[in-house]
Amino acid sequence: MSFKDFNDFPFGWADHEDIAIALYDKFGDDFGQDKIYRIRFTDLLDWILEIPQFTGTREQSTEEHLEQIQAKWVYEWRENQ
């Protein structure tokens, strides 16, 4: 398996960091820390479900998952500043 294959590796709700990286890749610097923490969970959930490698379902989501994803997304944003 080549390293490129890992980019298409499926991930689910427990993979908070992978989801955050995918969101950062999608939105880049359009969302800073303040804006990330003001995103409605309904919007965040829809964006996550649109990630091609994401295998989770809406029914499997929890508020804790969404909070962790927000925190990891902020961390990813800070790392790229």
C-alpha atoms as a PDB file:
ATOM      1  CA  MET A   1       0.000   0.000   0.000  1.00  0.00           C
ATOM      2  CA  SER A   2       1.442   3.358  -0.952  1.00  0.00           C
ATOM      3  CA  PHE A   3       1.299   6.450   1.237  1.00  0.00           C
ATOM      4  CA  LYS A   4      -1.210   8.017  -1.198  1.00  0.00           C
ATOM      5  CA  ASP A   5      -3.673   5.231  -0.371  1.00  0.00           C
ATOM      6  CA  PHE A   6      -3.934   6.564   3.185  1.00  0.00           C
ATOM      7  CA  ASN A   7      -5.613   9.726   1.863  1.00  0.00           C
ATOM      8  CA  ASP A   8      -8.564   7.608   0.770  1.00  0.00           C
ATOM      9  CA  PHE A   9      -8.691   5.493   3.923  1.00  0.00           C
ATOM     10  CA  PRO A  10     -12.203   5.547   5.442  1.00  0.00           C
ATOM     11  CA  PHE A  11     -12.770   7.035   8.890  1.00  0.00           C
ATOM     12  CA  GLY A  12     -15.692   7.423  11.282  1.00  0.00           C
ATOM     13  CA  TRP A  13     -16.897   9.429  14.264  1.00  0.00           C
ATOM     14  CA  ALA A  14     -14.051   8.420  16.570  1.00  0.00           C
ATOM     15  CA  ASP A  15     -11.497   9.863  14.136  1.00  0.00           C
ATOM     16  CA  HIS A  16     -11.868  13.471  15.295  1.00  0.00           C
ATOM     17  CA  GLU A  17      -8.483  14.600  14.019  1.00  0.00           C
ATOM     18  CA  ASP A  18      -9.017  13.133  10.536  1.00  0.00           C
ATOM     19  CA  ILE A  19     -12.372  14.880  10.307  1.00  0.00           C
ATOM     20  CA  ALA A  20     -10.858  18.177  11.487  1.00  0.00           C
ATOM     21  CA  ILE A  21      -8.082  17.938   8.912  1.00  0.00           C
ATOM     22  CA  ALA A  22     -10.636  17.259   6.166  1.00  0.00           C
ATOM     23  CA  LEU A  23     -12.655  20.294   7.262  1.00  0.00           C
ATOM     24  CA  TYR A  24      -9.556  22.475   7.348  1.00  0.00           C
ATOM     25  CA  ASP A  25      -8.604  21.216   3.892  1.00  0.00           C
ATOM     26  CA  LYS A  26     -12.074  22.117   2.642  1.00  0.00           C
ATOM     27  CA  PHE A  27     -12.418  25.560   4.244  1.00  0.00           C
ATOM     28  CA  GLY A  28      -8.808  26.626   4.863  1.00  0.00           C
ATOM     29  CA  ASP A  29      -8.414  29.937   6.639  1.00  0.00           C
ATOM     30  CA  ASP A  30     -12.017  30.987   5.953  1.00  0.00           C
ATOM     31  CA  PHE A  31     -12.830  29.708   9.433  1.00  0.00           C
ATOM     32  CA  GLY A  32     -10.745  30.928  12.360  1.00  0.00           C
ATOM     33  CA  GLN A  33     -11.101  29.949  15.993  1.00  0.00           C
ATOM     34  CA  ASP A  34     -13.991  32.299  16.771  1.00  0.00           C
ATOM     35  CA  LYS A  35     -15.921  31.308  13.678  1.00  0.00           C
ATOM     36  CA  ILE A  36     -15.344  27.560  14.203  1.00  0.00           C
ATOM     37  CA  TYR A  37     -16.821  27.704  17.705  1.00  0.00           C
ATOM     38  CA  ARG A  38     -19.895  29.594  16.421  1.00  0.00           C
ATOM     39  CA  ILE A  39     -20.799  27.009  13.777  1.00  0.00           C
ATOM     40  CA  ARG A  40     -24.187  25.443  14.380  1.00  0.00           C
ATOM     41  CA  PHE A  41     -23.925  21.729  15.001  1.00  0.00           C
ATOM     42  CA  THR A  42     -26.497  21.070  12.281  1.00  0.00           C
ATOM     43  CA  ASP A  43     -24.192  22.741   9.717  1.00  0.00           C
ATOM     44  CA  LEU A  44     -21.099  21.002  11.097  1.00  0.00           C
ATOM     45  CA  LEU A  45     -22.862  17.654  10.914  1.00  0.00           C
ATOM     46  CA  ASP A  46     -23.868  18.218   7.290  1.00  0.00           C
ATOM     47  CA  TRP A  47     -20.304  19.197   6.325  1.00  0.00           C
ATOM     48  CA  ILE A  48     -18.866  16.116   8.009  1.00  0.00           C
ATOM     49  CA  LEU A  49     -21.314  13.808   6.255  1.00  0.00           C
ATOM     50  CA  GLU A  50     -20.187  15.302   2.915  1.00  0.00           C
ATOM     51  CA  ILE A  51     -16.534  14.256   3.446  1.00  0.00           C
ATOM     52  CA  PRO A  52     -15.900  11.514   0.849  1.00  0.00           C
ATOM     53  CA  GLN A  53     -13.883   9.207   3.153  1.00  0.00           C
ATOM     54  CA  PHE A  54     -16.301   9.568   6.082  1.00  0.00           C
ATOM     55  CA  THR A  55     -18.253   6.393   6.848  1.00  0.00           C
ATOM     56  CA  GLY A  56     -20.303   7.456   9.884  1.00  0.00           C
ATOM     57  CA  THR A  57     -24.004   8.197   9.862  1.00  0.00           C
ATOM     58  CA  ARG A  58     -26.086  11.068  11.221  1.00  0.00           C
ATOM     59  CA  GLU A  59     -27.628   8.698  13.771  1.00  0.00           C
ATOM     60  CA  GLN A  60     -24.212   7.762  15.174  1.00  0.00           C
ATOM     61  CA  SER A  61     -23.220  11.364  15.864  1.00  0.00           C
ATOM     62  CA  THR A  62     -23.130  12.789  19.374  1.00  0.00           C
ATOM     63  CA  GLU A  63     -22.652  16.254  20.770  1.00  0.00           C
ATOM     64  CA  GLU A  64     -19.358  15.071  22.262  1.00  0.00           C
ATOM     65  CA  HIS A  65     -18.073  14.047  18.825  1.00  0.00           C
ATOM     66  CA  LEU A  66     -18.970  17.438  17.372  1.00  0.00           C
ATOM     67  CA  GLU A  67     -17.318  19.291  20.276  1.00  0.00           C
ATOM     68  CA  GLN A  68     -14.123  17.252  19.876  1.00  0.00           C
ATOM     69  CA  ILE A  69     -14.103  17.862  16.134  1.00  0.00           C
ATOM     70  CA  GLN A  70     -14.450  21.617  16.696  1.00  0.00           C
ATOM     71  CA  ALA A  71     -11.538  21.568  19.148  1.00  0.00           C
ATOM     72  CA  LYS A  72      -9.346  19.570  16.751  1.00  0.00           C
ATOM     73  CA  TRP A  73     -10.314  21.876  13.860  1.00  0.00           C
ATOM     74  CA  VAL A  74      -9.204  24.909  15.907  1.00  0.00           C
ATOM     75  CA  TYR A  75      -5.933  23.115  16.688  1.00  0.00           C
ATOM     76  CA  GLU A  76      -5.423  22.347  12.978  1.00  0.00           C
ATOM     77  CA  TRP A  77      -6.158  25.983  12.100  1.00  0.00           C
ATOM     78  CA  ARG A  78      -3.616  27.228  14.689  1.00  0.00           C
ATOM     79  CA  GLU A  79      -0.960  24.837  13.412  1.00  0.00           C
ATOM     80  CA  ASN A  80      -1.303  26.301   9.926  1.00  0.00           C
ATOM     81  CA  GLN A  81      -1.049  29.966  10.940  1.00  0.00           C
END
